[in-house]
PDB file of N, CA and C in Angstrom:
ATOM      1  N   ASP A   1       9.584   9.726  -8.043  1.00  0.00           N
ATOM      2  CA  ASP A   1       8.435  10.528  -7.680  1.00  0.00           C
ATOM      3  C   ASP A   1       7.861  10.031  -6.359  1.00  0.00           C
ATOM      4  N   ASN A   2       7.204  10.920  -5.644  1.00  0.00           N
ATOM      5  CA  ASN A   2       6.580  10.585  -4.360  1.00  0.00           C
ATOM      6  C   ASN A   2       5.127  11.019  -4.355  1.00  0.00           C
ATOM      7  N   VAL A   3       4.311  10.266  -3.619  1.00  0.00           N
ATOM      8  CA  VAL A   3       2.895  10.602  -3.478  1.00  0.00           C
ATOM      9  C   VAL A   3       2.416  10.131  -2.104  1.00  0.00           C
ATOM     10  N   LYS A   4       1.503  10.891  -1.504  1.00  0.00           N
ATOM     11  CA  LYS A   4       0.844  10.460  -0.270  1.00  0.00           C
ATOM     12  C   LYS A   4      -0.576  10.093  -0.646  1.00  0.00           C
ATOM     13  N   MET A   5      -1.077   8.949  -0.127  1.00  0.00           N
ATOM     14  CA  MET A   5      -2.437   8.551  -0.456  1.00  0.00           C
ATOM     15  C   MET A   5      -3.066   7.793   0.698  1.00  0.00           C
ATOM     16  N   VAL A   6      -4.383   7.844   0.758  1.00  0.00           N
ATOM     17  CA  VAL A   6      -5.167   7.095   1.738  1.00  0.00           C
ATOM     18  C   VAL A   6      -5.874   5.991   0.967  1.00  0.00           C
ATOM     19  N   VAL A   7      -5.747   4.749   1.458  1.00  0.00           N
ATOM     20  CA  VAL A   7      -6.287   3.590   0.748  1.00  0.00           C
ATOM     21  C   VAL A   7      -7.222   2.822   1.665  1.00  0.00           C
ATOM     22  N   GLU A   8      -8.373   2.413   1.138  1.00  0.00           N
ATOM     23  CA  GLU A   8      -9.283   1.526   1.860  1.00  0.00           C
ATOM     24  C   GLU A   8      -9.239   0.174   1.162  1.00  0.00           C
ATOM     25  N   LEU A   9      -8.827  -0.857   1.893  1.00  0.00           N
ATOM     26  CA  LEU A   9      -8.674  -2.186   1.316  1.00  0.00           C
ATOM     27  C   LEU A   9     -10.021  -2.874   1.147  1.00  0.00           C
ATOM     28  N   ILE A  10     -10.135  -3.708   0.119  1.00  0.00           N
ATOM     29  CA  ILE A  10     -11.354  -4.476  -0.143  1.00  0.00           C
ATOM     30  C   ILE A  10     -11.528  -5.557   0.919  1.00  0.00           C
ATOM     31  N   ALA A  11     -10.448  -6.212   1.279  1.00  0.00           N
ATOM     32  CA  ALA A  11     -10.475  -7.285   2.274  1.00  0.00           C
ATOM     33  C   ALA A  11      -9.491  -6.943   3.395  1.00  0.00           C
ATOM     34  N   PRO A  12      -9.810  -7.321   4.632  1.00  0.00           N
ATOM     35  CA  PRO A  12      -8.885  -7.043   5.734  1.00  0.00           C
ATOM     36  C   PRO A  12      -7.584  -7.823   5.576  1.00  0.00           C
ATOM     37  N   ILE A  13      -6.493  -7.206   6.001  1.00  0.00           N
ATOM     38  CA  ILE A  13      -5.177  -7.849   5.937  1.00  0.00           C
ATOM     39  C   ILE A  13      -4.343  -7.351   7.117  1.00  0.00           C
ATOM     40  N   ALA A  14      -3.533  -8.224   7.680  1.00  0.00           N
ATOM     41  CA  ALA A  14      -2.661  -7.831   8.785  1.00  0.00           C
ATOM     42  C   ALA A  14      -1.489  -7.031   8.227  1.00  0.00           C
ATOM     43  N   MET A  15      -1.268  -5.852   8.803  1.00  0.00           N
ATOM     44  CA  MET A  15      -0.128  -5.044   8.366  1.00  0.00           C
ATOM     45  C   MET A  15       0.324  -4.143   9.498  1.00  0.00           C
ATOM     46  N   ASP A  16       1.562  -3.719   9.429  1.00  0.00           N
ATOM     47  CA  ASP A  16       2.153  -2.816  10.408  1.00  0.00           C
ATOM     48  C   ASP A  16       2.772  -1.641   9.678  1.00  0.00           C
ATOM     49  N   GLU A  17       3.006  -0.560  10.415  1.00  0.00           N
ATOM     50  CA  GLU A  17       3.721   0.571   9.837  1.00  0.00           C
ATOM     51  C   GLU A  17       5.120   0.102   9.446  1.00  0.00           C
ATOM     52  N   GLY A  18       5.600   0.569   8.321  1.00  0.00           N
ATOM     53  CA  GLY A  18       6.910   0.168   7.823  1.00  0.00           C
ATOM     54  C   GLY A  18       6.851  -0.979   6.830  1.00  0.00           C
ATOM     55  N   LEU A  19       5.666  -1.595   6.675  1.00  0.00           N
ATOM     56  CA  LEU A  19       5.512  -2.709   5.734  1.00  0.00           C
ATOM     57  C   LEU A  19       5.669  -2.214   4.301  1.00  0.00           C
ATOM     58  N   ARG A  20       6.479  -2.889   3.526  1.00  0.00           N
ATOM     59  CA  ARG A  20       6.658  -2.535   2.119  1.00  0.00           C
ATOM     60  C   ARG A  20       5.586  -3.247   1.295  1.00  0.00           C
ATOM     61  N   PHE A  21       5.089  -2.586   0.248  1.00  0.00           N
ATOM     62  CA  PHE A  21       4.042  -3.169  -0.582  1.00  0.00           C
ATOM     63  C   PHE A  21       4.272  -2.813  -2.043  1.00  0.00           C
ATOM     64  N   ALA A  22       3.623  -3.577  -2.924  1.00  0.00           N
ATOM     65  CA  ALA A  22       3.679  -3.316  -4.364  1.00  0.00           C
ATOM     66  C   ALA A  22       2.260  -3.121  -4.878  1.00  0.00           C
ATOM     67  N   ILE A  23       2.099  -2.237  -5.846  1.00  0.00           N
ATOM     68  CA  ILE A  23       0.820  -2.016  -6.513  1.00  0.00           C
ATOM     69  C   ILE A  23       0.943  -2.665  -7.881  1.00  0.00           C
ATOM     70  N   ARG A  24       0.062  -3.641  -8.139  1.00  0.00           N
ATOM     71  CA  ARG A  24       0.146  -4.392  -9.390  1.00  0.00           C
ATOM     72  C   ARG A  24      -1.116  -4.193 -10.205  1.00  0.00           C
ATOM     73  N   GLU A  25      -0.950  -4.159 -11.502  1.00  0.00           N
ATOM     74  CA  GLU A  25      -2.075  -4.019 -12.424  1.00  0.00           C
ATOM     75  C   GLU A  25      -1.786  -4.878 -13.647  1.00  0.00           C
ATOM     76  N   GLY A  26      -2.675  -5.808 -13.921  1.00  0.00           N
ATOM     77  CA  GLY A  26      -2.495  -6.674 -15.081  1.00  0.00           C
ATOM     78  C   GLY A  26      -1.221  -7.495 -15.032  1.00  0.00           C
ATOM     79  N   GLY A  27      -0.813  -7.930 -13.829  1.00  0.00           N
ATOM     80  CA  GLY A  27       0.387  -8.747 -13.700  1.00  0.00           C
ATOM     81  C   GLY A  27       1.683  -7.965 -13.758  1.00  0.00           C
ATOM     82  N   ARG A  28       1.604  -6.655 -13.787  1.00  0.00           N
ATOM     83  CA  ARG A  28       2.791  -5.796 -13.887  1.00  0.00           C
ATOM     84  C   ARG A  28       2.836  -4.864 -12.672  1.00  0.00           C
ATOM     85  N   THR A  29       4.005  -4.693 -12.082  1.00  0.00           N
ATOM     86  CA  THR A  29       4.159  -3.780 -10.953  1.00  0.00           C
ATOM     87  C   THR A  29       4.178  -2.349 -11.469  1.00  0.00           C
ATOM     88  N   VAL A  30       3.231  -1.541 -10.975  1.00  0.00           N
ATOM     89  CA  VAL A  30       3.137  -0.146 -11.422  1.00  0.00           C
ATOM     90  C   VAL A  30       3.523   0.835 -10.318  1.00  0.00           C
ATOM     91  N   GLY A  31       3.758   0.327  -9.113  1.00  0.00           N
ATOM     92  CA  GLY A  31       4.162   1.194  -8.013  1.00  0.00           C
ATOM     93  C   GLY A  31       4.574   0.375  -6.813  1.00  0.00           C
ATOM     94  N   ALA A  32       5.256   1.013  -5.884  1.00  0.00           N
ATOM     95  CA  ALA A  32       5.680   0.358  -4.654  1.00  0.00           C
ATOM     96  C   ALA A  32       5.771   1.416  -3.572  1.00  0.00           C
ATOM     97  N   GLY A  33       5.694   0.981  -2.321  1.00  0.00           N
ATOM     98  CA  GLY A  33       5.758   1.954  -1.247  1.00  0.00           C
ATOM     99  C   GLY A  33       5.922   1.310   0.106  1.00  0.00           C
ATOM    100  N   VAL A  34       5.761   2.152   1.127  1.00  0.00           N
ATOM    101  CA  VAL A  34       5.895   1.739   2.516  1.00  0.00           C
ATOM    102  C   VAL A  34       4.702   2.292   3.287  1.00  0.00           C
ATOM    103  N   VAL A  35       4.100   1.469   4.148  1.00  0.00           N
ATOM    104  CA  VAL A  35       2.996   1.928   4.990  1.00  0.00           C
ATOM    105  C   VAL A  35       3.581   2.883   6.030  1.00  0.00           C
ATOM    106  N   ALA A  36       3.145   4.152   6.000  1.00  0.00           N
ATOM    107  CA  ALA A  36       3.665   5.159   6.920  1.00  0.00           C
ATOM    108  C   ALA A  36       2.807   5.270   8.175  1.00  0.00           C
ATOM    109  N   LYS A  37       1.482   5.120   8.024  1.00  0.00           N
ATOM    110  CA  LYS A  37       0.575   5.277   9.159  1.00  0.00           C
ATOM    111  C   LYS A  37      -0.675   4.450   8.908  1.00  0.00           C
ATOM    112  N   ILE A  38      -1.172   3.807   9.963  1.00  0.00           N
ATOM    113  CA  ILE A  38      -2.401   3.024   9.858  1.00  0.00           C
ATOM    114  C   ILE A  38      -3.511   3.811  10.541  1.00  0.00           C
ATOM    115  N   ILE A  39      -4.591   4.058   9.813  1.00  0.00           N
ATOM    116  CA  ILE A  39      -5.745   4.788  10.324  1.00  0.00           C
ATOM    117  C   ILE A  39      -6.847   3.770  10.589  1.00  0.00           C
ATOM    118  N   GLU A  40      -7.325   3.711  11.803  1.00  0.00           N
ATOM    119  CA  GLU A  40      -8.360   2.731  12.170  1.00  0.00           C
ATOM    120  C   GLU A  40      -9.703   3.132  11.621  1.00  0.00           C
TER     121      GLU A  40
END
């Protein structure tokens, strides 16, 4: 499945377009993706 989403981070973090990331909840990976675009 695919989804597009806009996320606002709680704390600043260095990242670039193309960075792979994981979404974790309760110690379990529930999703993964790639940063497609950074909005300032």
